[in-house]
Structures are given as structure tokens and as C-alpha cells.
């Protein structure tokens, strides 16, 4: 039995190769993680809304950043 420790990329099974599945898993971890707000400074409050668009859940400011990380 093969262990499935690809994280979110485990949904691809054995398709697309190990390197690409690992890259997808790392990107999804960083984009879905919560980050520190540059405006109010609160930890774990910034979430990704869309490609390059981020929003703070505390002060409700919307700002642009990188595609998978806010800064």
C-alpha cells in the first residue's frame, strides 16, 4: 500500500508526476494559509480572495499582492 502524503495534490493520484504534484501542494498551502495584515497588523487575518487580491477579515481592507502570497 502506498502512502498518500501529497497534501491537497493527492487528488491527482499518480498522474502528472511527483515534482508537479509537490509544487501544487506547496503553492496551495501558502495561498490558503492565513497571513499578517499590513494595515492593522493582526496575525492570521488575511485571506486570498482571488488571483493577487487579498482581504483582511479584521479591518476589512482589500489590497493587491502577489499571486500566492500577499507580500
PDB file of N, CA and C in Angstrom:
ATOM      1  N   UNK A   1       0.835  -1.168   0.000  1.00  0.00           N
ATOM      2  CA  UNK A   1       0.000   0.000   0.000  1.00  0.00           C
ATOM      3  C   UNK A   1       0.887   1.240   0.000  1.00  0.00           C
ATOM      4  N   UNK A   2       0.589   2.202  -0.860  1.00  0.00           N
ATOM      5  CA  UNK A   2       1.370   3.423  -0.988  1.00  0.00           C
ATOM      6  C   UNK A   2       0.728   4.499  -0.128  1.00  0.00           C
ATOM      7  N   UNK A   3       1.545   5.187   0.670  1.00  0.00           N
ATOM      8  CA  UNK A   3       1.000   6.265   1.499  1.00  0.00           C
ATOM      9  C   UNK A   3       0.802   7.505   0.643  1.00  0.00           C
ATOM     10  N   UNK A   4      -0.247   8.242   0.932  1.00  0.00           N
ATOM     11  CA  UNK A   4      -0.566   9.434   0.168  1.00  0.00           C
ATOM     12  C   UNK A   4      -0.271  10.659   1.019  1.00  0.00           C
ATOM     13  N   UNK A   5       0.957  11.167   0.935  1.00  0.00           N
ATOM     14  CA  UNK A   5       1.318  12.348   1.689  1.00  0.00           C
ATOM     15  C   UNK A   5       1.633  13.499   0.747  1.00  0.00           C
ATOM     16  N   UNK A   6       0.791  13.688  -0.258  1.00  0.00           N
ATOM     17  CA  UNK A   6       0.945  14.798  -1.184  1.00  0.00           C
ATOM     18  C   UNK A   6       0.109  16.001  -0.759  1.00  0.00           C
ATOM     19  N   UNK A   7      -0.586  15.905   0.361  1.00  0.00           N
ATOM     20  CA  UNK A   7      -1.410  17.023   0.808  1.00  0.00           C
ATOM     21  C   UNK A   7      -2.614  17.200  -0.099  1.00  0.00           C
ATOM     22  N   UNK A   8      -2.835  18.428  -0.519  1.00  0.00           N
ATOM     23  CA  UNK A   8      -4.000  18.706  -1.363  1.00  0.00           C
ATOM     24  C   UNK A   8      -3.838  18.164  -2.768  1.00  0.00           C
ATOM     25  N   UNK A   9      -2.621  17.897  -3.202  1.00  0.00           N
ATOM     26  CA  UNK A   9      -2.386  17.374  -4.541  1.00  0.00           C
ATOM     27  C   UNK A   9      -2.619  15.875  -4.617  1.00  0.00           C
ATOM     28  N   UNK A  10      -2.990  15.256  -3.512  1.00  0.00           N
ATOM     29  CA  UNK A  10      -3.274  13.833  -3.508  1.00  0.00           C
ATOM     30  C   UNK A  10      -4.474  13.481  -4.364  1.00  0.00           C
ATOM     31  N   UNK A  11      -5.277  14.483  -4.682  1.00  0.00           N
ATOM     32  CA  UNK A  11      -6.455  14.236  -5.531  1.00  0.00           C
ATOM     33  C   UNK A  11      -6.073  13.859  -6.958  1.00  0.00           C
ATOM     34  N   UNK A  12      -4.804  14.118  -7.358  1.00  0.00           N
ATOM     35  CA  UNK A  12      -4.347  13.784  -8.694  1.00  0.00           C
ATOM     36  C   UNK A  12      -3.912  12.331  -8.817  1.00  0.00           C
ATOM     37  N   UNK A  13      -3.763  11.636  -7.694  1.00  0.00           N
ATOM     38  CA  UNK A  13      -3.339  10.243  -7.726  1.00  0.00           C
ATOM     39  C   UNK A  13      -1.926  10.113  -8.246  1.00  0.00           C
ATOM     40  N   UNK A  14      -1.739   9.236  -9.202  1.00  0.00           N
ATOM     41  CA  UNK A  14      -0.399   9.021  -9.751  1.00  0.00           C
ATOM     42  C   UNK A  14      -0.172   9.821 -11.031  1.00  0.00           C
ATOM     43  N   UNK A  15      -1.090  10.685 -11.381  1.00  0.00           N
ATOM     44  CA  UNK A  15      -0.960  11.463 -12.616  1.00  0.00           C
ATOM     45  C   UNK A  15      -0.060  12.686 -12.420  1.00  0.00           C
ATOM     46  N   UNK A  16       0.505  13.185 -13.489  1.00  0.00           N
ATOM     47  CA  UNK A  16       1.259  14.435 -13.599  1.00  0.00           C
ATOM     48  C   UNK A  16       2.654  14.410 -12.987  1.00  0.00           C
ATOM     49  N   UNK A  17       3.087  13.359 -12.353  1.00  0.00           N
ATOM     50  CA  UNK A  17       4.446  13.272 -11.834  1.00  0.00           C
ATOM     51  C   UNK A  17       4.583  13.837 -10.435  1.00  0.00           C
ATOM     52  N   UNK A  18       5.558  13.327  -9.734  1.00  0.00           N
ATOM     53  CA  UNK A  18       5.757  13.684  -8.339  1.00  0.00           C
ATOM     54  C   UNK A  18       6.185  15.140  -8.168  1.00  0.00           C
ATOM     55  N   UNK A  19       7.036  15.644  -9.048  1.00  0.00           N
ATOM     56  CA  UNK A  19       7.540  17.009  -8.920  1.00  0.00           C
ATOM     57  C   UNK A  19       6.420  18.031  -9.060  1.00  0.00           C
ATOM     58  N   UNK A  20       5.560  17.869 -10.048  1.00  0.00           N
ATOM     59  CA  UNK A  20       4.473  18.816 -10.251  1.00  0.00           C
ATOM     60  C   UNK A  20       3.445  18.737  -9.132  1.00  0.00           C
ATOM     61  N   UNK A  21       3.171  17.538  -8.647  1.00  0.00           N
ATOM     62  CA  UNK A  21       2.224  17.411  -7.534  1.00  0.00           C
ATOM     63  C   UNK A  21       2.775  18.078  -6.279  1.00  0.00           C
ATOM     64  N   UNK A  22       4.082  17.966  -6.055  1.00  0.00           N
ATOM     65  CA  UNK A  22       4.701  18.604  -4.899  1.00  0.00           C
ATOM     66  C   UNK A  22       4.630  20.130  -5.018  1.00  0.00           C
ATOM     67  N   UNK A  23       4.869  20.661  -6.221  1.00  0.00           N
ATOM     68  CA  UNK A  23       4.782  22.107  -6.438  1.00  0.00           C
ATOM     69  C   UNK A  23       3.364  22.612  -6.196  1.00  0.00           C
ATOM     70  N   UNK A  24       2.383  21.894  -6.701  1.00  0.00           N
ATOM     71  CA  UNK A  24       0.982  22.285  -6.499  1.00  0.00           C
ATOM     72  C   UNK A  24       0.638  22.268  -5.021  1.00  0.00           C
ATOM     73  N   UNK A  25       1.097  21.267  -4.318  1.00  0.00           N
ATOM     74  CA  UNK A  25       0.828  21.159  -2.891  1.00  0.00           C
ATOM     75  C   UNK A  25       1.433  22.335  -2.127  1.00  0.00           C
ATOM     76  N   UNK A  26       2.671  22.718  -2.443  1.00  0.00           N
ATOM     77  CA  UNK A  26       3.318  23.841  -1.760  1.00  0.00           C
ATOM     78  C   UNK A  26       2.622  25.165  -2.061  1.00  0.00           C
ATOM     79  N   UNK A  27       2.209  25.359  -3.299  1.00  0.00           N
ATOM     80  CA  UNK A  27       1.511  26.593  -3.683  1.00  0.00           C
ATOM     81  C   UNK A  27       0.168  26.691  -2.968  1.00  0.00           C
ATOM     82  N   UNK A  28      -0.568  25.595  -2.915  1.00  0.00           N
ATOM     83  CA  UNK A  28      -1.877  25.622  -2.267  1.00  0.00           C
ATOM     84  C   UNK A  28      -1.756  25.821  -0.762  1.00  0.00           C
ATOM     85  N   UNK A  29      -0.722  25.276  -0.151  1.00  0.00           N
ATOM     86  CA  UNK A  29      -0.508  25.505   1.282  1.00  0.00           C
ATOM     87  C   UNK A  29      -0.259  26.982   1.560  1.00  0.00           C
ATOM     88  N   UNK A  30       0.602  27.618   0.760  1.00  0.00           N
ATOM     89  CA  UNK A  30       0.932  29.019   1.018  1.00  0.00           C
ATOM     90  C   UNK A  30      -0.224  29.946   0.680  1.00  0.00           C
ATOM     91  N   UNK A  31      -1.001  29.649  -0.339  1.00  0.00           N
ATOM     92  CA  UNK A  31      -2.096  30.547  -0.705  1.00  0.00           C
ATOM     93  C   UNK A  31      -3.282  30.414   0.234  1.00  0.00           C
ATOM     94  N   UNK A  32      -3.485  29.248   0.805  1.00  0.00           N
ATOM     95  CA  UNK A  32      -4.614  29.043   1.711  1.00  0.00           C
ATOM     96  C   UNK A  32      -4.286  29.352   3.162  1.00  0.00           C
ATOM     97  N   UNK A  33      -3.015  29.555   3.462  1.00  0.00           N
ATOM     98  CA  UNK A  33      -2.615  29.880   4.829  1.00  0.00           C
ATOM     99  C   UNK A  33      -3.083  31.288   5.177  1.00  0.00           C
ATOM    100  N   UNK A  34      -3.186  31.559   6.461  1.00  0.00           N
ATOM    101  CA  UNK A  34      -3.549  32.903   6.889  1.00  0.00           C
ATOM    102  C   UNK A  34      -2.273  33.696   7.145  1.00  0.00           C
ATOM    103  N   UNK A  35      -2.317  35.000   6.829  1.00  0.00           N
ATOM    104  CA  UNK A  35      -1.139  35.844   6.907  1.00  0.00           C
ATOM    105  C   UNK A  35      -1.415  37.063   7.787  1.00  0.00           C
ATOM    106  N   UNK A  36      -0.383  37.845   8.062  1.00  0.00           N
ATOM    107  CA  UNK A  36      -0.492  39.050   8.882  1.00  0.00           C
ATOM    108  C   UNK A  36      -0.941  40.231   8.019  1.00  0.00           C
ATOM    109  N   UNK A  37      -1.880  41.028   8.524  1.00  0.00           N
ATOM    110  CA  UNK A  37      -2.401  42.184   7.795  1.00  0.00           C
ATOM    111  C   UNK A  37      -1.387  43.323   7.822  1.00  0.00           C
ATOM    112  N   UNK A  38      -1.064  43.934   6.663  1.00  0.00           N
ATOM    113  CA  UNK A  38      -0.118  45.051   6.652  1.00  0.00           C
ATOM    114  C   UNK A  38      -0.729  46.349   7.183  1.00  0.00           C
ATOM    115  N   UNK A  39      -2.048  46.433   7.299  1.00  0.00           N
ATOM    116  CA  UNK A  39      -2.700  47.655   7.761  1.00  0.00           C
ATOM    117  C   UNK A  39      -2.927  47.643   9.270  1.00  0.00           C
ATOM    118  N   UNK A  40      -3.633  46.636   9.775  1.00  0.00           N
ATOM    119  CA  UNK A  40      -3.929  46.607  11.209  1.00  0.00           C
ATOM    120  C   UNK A  40      -2.921  45.780  11.989  1.00  0.00           C
ATOM    121  N   UNK A  41      -2.134  44.945  11.314  1.00  0.00           N
ATOM    122  CA  UNK A  41      -1.075  44.187  11.960  1.00  0.00           C
ATOM    123  C   UNK A  41      -1.522  42.931  12.677  1.00  0.00           C
ATOM    124  N   UNK A  42      -2.781  42.558  12.559  1.00  0.00           N
ATOM    125  CA  UNK A  42      -3.263  41.369  13.252  1.00  0.00           C
ATOM    126  C   UNK A  42      -2.788  40.106  12.533  1.00  0.00           C
ATOM    127  N   UNK A  43      -2.444  39.112  13.323  1.00  0.00           N
ATOM    128  CA  UNK A  43      -1.979  37.829  12.787  1.00  0.00           C
ATOM    129  C   UNK A  43      -3.171  36.985  12.343  1.00  0.00           C
ATOM    130  N   UNK A  44      -2.960  36.140  11.385  1.00  0.00           N
ATOM    131  CA  UNK A  44      -3.928  35.139  10.932  1.00  0.00           C
ATOM    132  C   UNK A  44      -5.257  35.733  10.494  1.00  0.00           C
ATOM    133  N   UNK A  45      -5.245  36.901   9.847  1.00  0.00           N
ATOM    134  CA  UNK A  45      -6.491  37.518   9.439  1.00  0.00           C
ATOM    135  C   UNK A  45      -6.599  37.776   7.945  1.00  0.00           C
ATOM    136  N   UNK A  46      -5.539  37.610   7.179  1.00  0.00           N
ATOM    137  CA  UNK A  46      -5.569  37.896   5.745  1.00  0.00           C
ATOM    138  C   UNK A  46      -5.825  36.606   4.980  1.00  0.00           C
ATOM    139  N   UNK A  47      -6.809  36.664   4.084  1.00  0.00           N
ATOM    140  CA  UNK A  47      -7.121  35.511   3.244  1.00  0.00           C
ATOM    141  C   UNK A  47      -7.137  35.925   1.789  1.00  0.00           C
ATOM    142  N   UNK A  48      -6.867  34.979   0.915  1.00  0.00           N
ATOM    143  CA  UNK A  48      -6.832  35.223  -0.512  1.00  0.00           C
ATOM    144  C   UNK A  48      -8.252  35.216  -1.067  1.00  0.00           C
ATOM    145  N   UNK A  49      -8.621  36.267  -1.791  1.00  0.00           N
ATOM    146  CA  UNK A  49      -9.933  36.361  -2.404  1.00  0.00           C
ATOM    147  C   UNK A  49      -9.903  35.815  -3.837  1.00  0.00           C
ATOM    148  N   UNK A  50      -8.914  36.242  -4.596  1.00  0.00           N
ATOM    149  CA  UNK A  50      -8.748  35.825  -5.989  1.00  0.00           C
ATOM    150  C   UNK A  50      -7.270  35.985  -6.337  1.00  0.00           C
ATOM    151  N   UNK A  51      -6.933  35.815  -7.598  1.00  0.00           N
ATOM    152  CA  UNK A  51      -5.553  35.903  -8.061  1.00  0.00           C
ATOM    153  C   UNK A  51      -4.986  37.278  -7.739  1.00  0.00           C
ATOM    154  N   UNK A  52      -4.111  37.372  -6.733  1.00  0.00           N
ATOM    155  CA  UNK A  52      -3.466  38.617  -6.378  1.00  0.00           C
ATOM    156  C   UNK A  52      -4.307  39.564  -5.547  1.00  0.00           C
ATOM    157  N   UNK A  53      -5.506  39.178  -5.149  1.00  0.00           N
ATOM    158  CA  UNK A  53      -6.381  40.029  -4.342  1.00  0.00           C
ATOM    159  C   UNK A  53      -6.516  39.412  -2.961  1.00  0.00           C
ATOM    160  N   UNK A  54      -6.211  40.210  -1.936  1.00  0.00           N
ATOM    161  CA  UNK A  54      -6.210  39.749  -0.561  1.00  0.00           C
ATOM    162  C   UNK A  54      -7.113  40.630   0.271  1.00  0.00           C
ATOM    163  N   UNK A  55      -7.698  40.067   1.328  1.00  0.00           N
ATOM    164  CA  UNK A  55      -8.600  40.823   2.183  1.00  0.00           C
ATOM    165  C   UNK A  55      -8.345  40.470   3.638  1.00  0.00           C
ATOM    166  N   UNK A  56      -8.325  41.517   4.476  1.00  0.00           N
ATOM    167  CA  UNK A  56      -8.189  41.320   5.915  1.00  0.00           C
ATOM    168  C   UNK A  56      -9.571  41.093   6.497  1.00  0.00           C
ATOM    169  N   UNK A  57      -9.728  40.057   7.296  1.00  0.00           N
ATOM    170  CA  UNK A  57     -11.016  39.743   7.887  1.00  0.00           C
ATOM    171  C   UNK A  57     -11.315  40.631   9.089  1.00  0.00           C
ATOM    172  N   UNK A  58     -10.301  41.289   9.636  1.00  0.00           N
ATOM    173  CA  UNK A  58     -10.487  42.124  10.810  1.00  0.00           C
ATOM    174  C   UNK A  58     -10.852  43.559  10.424  1.00  0.00           C
ATOM    175  N   UNK A  59      -9.978  44.219   9.648  1.00  0.00           N
ATOM    176  CA  UNK A  59     -10.239  45.617   9.274  1.00  0.00           C
ATOM    177  C   UNK A  59     -10.969  45.734   7.938  1.00  0.00           C
ATOM    178  N   UNK A  60     -11.188  44.624   7.261  1.00  0.00           N
ATOM    179  CA  UNK A  60     -11.933  44.522   6.002  1.00  0.00           C
ATOM    180  C   UNK A  60     -11.334  45.360   4.872  1.00  0.00           C
ATOM    181  N   UNK A  61     -10.020  45.573   4.905  1.00  0.00           N
ATOM    182  CA  UNK A  61      -9.339  46.260   3.810  1.00  0.00           C
ATOM    183  C   UNK A  61      -8.982  45.232   2.754  1.00  0.00           C
ATOM    184  N   UNK A  62      -9.168  45.605   1.508  1.00  0.00           N
ATOM    185  CA  UNK A  62      -8.804  44.765   0.376  1.00  0.00           C
ATOM    186  C   UNK A  62      -7.582  45.389  -0.283  1.00  0.00           C
ATOM    187  N   UNK A  63      -6.599  44.563  -0.604  1.00  0.00           N
ATOM    188  CA  UNK A  63      -5.373  45.064  -1.212  1.00  0.00           C
ATOM    189  C   UNK A  63      -4.835  44.041  -2.185  1.00  0.00           C
ATOM    190  N   UNK A  64      -3.911  44.486  -3.028  1.00  0.00           N
ATOM    191  CA  UNK A  64      -3.299  43.593  -4.005  1.00  0.00           C
ATOM    192  C   UNK A  64      -1.951  43.131  -3.486  1.00  0.00           C
ATOM    193  N   UNK A  65      -1.535  41.980  -3.956  1.00  0.00           N
ATOM    194  CA  UNK A  65      -0.257  41.415  -3.575  1.00  0.00           C
ATOM    195  C   UNK A  65       0.188  40.441  -4.638  1.00  0.00           C
ATOM    196  N   UNK A  66       1.030  39.555  -4.252  1.00  0.00           N
ATOM    197  CA  UNK A  66       1.487  38.520  -5.179  1.00  0.00           C
ATOM    198  C   UNK A  66       0.365  37.497  -5.392  1.00  0.00           C
ATOM    199  N   UNK A  67       0.568  36.601  -6.323  1.00  0.00           N
ATOM    200  CA  UNK A  67      -0.483  35.641  -6.667  1.00  0.00           C
ATOM    201  C   UNK A  67      -0.778  34.676  -5.531  1.00  0.00           C
ATOM    202  N   UNK A  68       0.254  34.189  -4.857  1.00  0.00           N
ATOM    203  CA  UNK A  68       0.043  33.172  -3.841  1.00  0.00           C
ATOM    204  C   UNK A  68       0.443  33.615  -2.443  1.00  0.00           C
ATOM    205  N   UNK A  69       1.019  34.812  -2.311  1.00  0.00           N
ATOM    206  CA  UNK A  69       1.376  35.378  -1.013  1.00  0.00           C
ATOM    207  C   UNK A  69       1.051  36.861  -1.058  1.00  0.00           C
ATOM    208  N   UNK A  70       0.575  37.428   0.042  1.00  0.00           N
ATOM    209  CA  UNK A  70       0.163  38.829  -0.015  1.00  0.00           C
ATOM    210  C   UNK A  70       1.312  39.828  -0.123  1.00  0.00           C
ATOM    211  N   UNK A  71       2.534  39.431   0.239  1.00  0.00           N
ATOM    212  CA  UNK A  71       3.664  40.358   0.184  1.00  0.00           C
ATOM    213  C   UNK A  71       4.939  39.606  -0.001  1.00  0.00           C
TER     214      UNK A  71
END
